[in-house]
Amino acid sequence: MLAHRSSERLLMARVAGVCARGLAPLDLLARVASLVRPHVPYVAAGWILVDPDTLLMNGVYAEHVPRELHLLLIECELTEDDFTKFYDLARTGVGAASLSAATNGELTRSTRWSRIYQPHGYGDELRAVFASGNAVWGHVCLTRATDDPWFGAGEVDLLARICPHVGNGIRTSLALAGAPDDGGEAGPGFVVLTDDGRVESVSPEARNWLGPVEDESLATTIVLHQVAQQVRALAEGCTGGPVAMARVRARSGDWVVVRGARIGSDAGPSGRTALVLERASRSDVAPLLLRQRKLTRREQEVTRLMLAGLPTSEIAGELFISPETLRGHVKAVFAKLDVSSRPELAALLSHQPVVHPDTTVS
């Protein structure tokens, strides 16, 4: 058991390191696949990039998936009701799920299994979504052969724990490549730091948000060095800890999310780290708001399920509480967040940017 846990920790550290290196998205997925495969064996897979606004696929690293099968799966995903569809996993915030567990061991209940997988000799399927900043940037579909054992709960959990690193890696890679930002009119800001803490380059947007980044006091820019250090630790395999991301209040009053990745060919002690600064969406700062308003753990669970669109009866069932108890939690949530309805709650904690009347810093 100890050896197994040690192996999983090593995998997490290696995946975190790959995701912190600023690789092109498809290269990142290929590297992650090679690391995951020995721990979660499979015979075929699609490691997929998606448009975060539409969840439509826009890139794939495929392993042993014939073109015909790809097209059939795409058609089924978009036109048929089924279990563990990527859209549903993204909507409900489920990191990963196996088809065998979702169907209670009756794979024939799945349309895609009956129509596609079974005729082609496949058995169980494991899916996961790569989310970052409350948006989905990609997903993965692993399949096993008919005679292979089904994916176990431990394998599902392991893949789910990997997902935040992959999502953050894809998002950061796209931002470094100049991808359009989803955080409002202002584009992302950039800072490049050397490993001795020297500022090599900085964009005007970064200066507008944080002020002089060469400030000796580090009053508002310590976040850059903190995130950069975590990036280096992840990239060098020192830790499998949390993704290299932090939120900071800008001089304008906006919340800004800082993410980073290693750049250049030198990954050694004299390397460089690129930091991407994006205006936070409300969903980025929602966890901070919930903690600031002192929501209990149960009230946070209720809030999450309300935002997922679940009706009251389903929320009560999900949390194993009575409708009367649930109403008390909802009332407390509304009071603490100063809202009076679900639409107001959704607006407060939505994906929309936190916009202030004047964000220009002179």
Foldseek 3Di string as FASTA:
>chain_A
DVVLVVLLFLLLLQLLQLLQALDALVVNQVVNCVSLCVVFPFQWKWWFFADQVPRHTDDIDIDPQDPVLVVVVVCCLPPHDFPPRVVLCLLLVPFKDKCCVRVVNPNVRGPCCVPPVVVVFWPIKMKGFQDDLSTTGIIMIGIHGNPDDYDDPVSRVSNSLSRPSSNLSNVVSCLVVPHADPADDDHKWKWKAWLVGDTPDTDPVVCLFQNPCVDPVCPRPVLVVQLQVVSLCSSVSVGSDDASKDWGQTPLRFIKIKHKHWDDPDSDSGTMMMIIIGGRFLLNCVVVLCVVLPQDPVLVLLLSVLLSVDDLVVSCVVVVHDSVVSVVSVVVNCVSVVHDDSVVSCVNRDRHGDDDPDSGDD
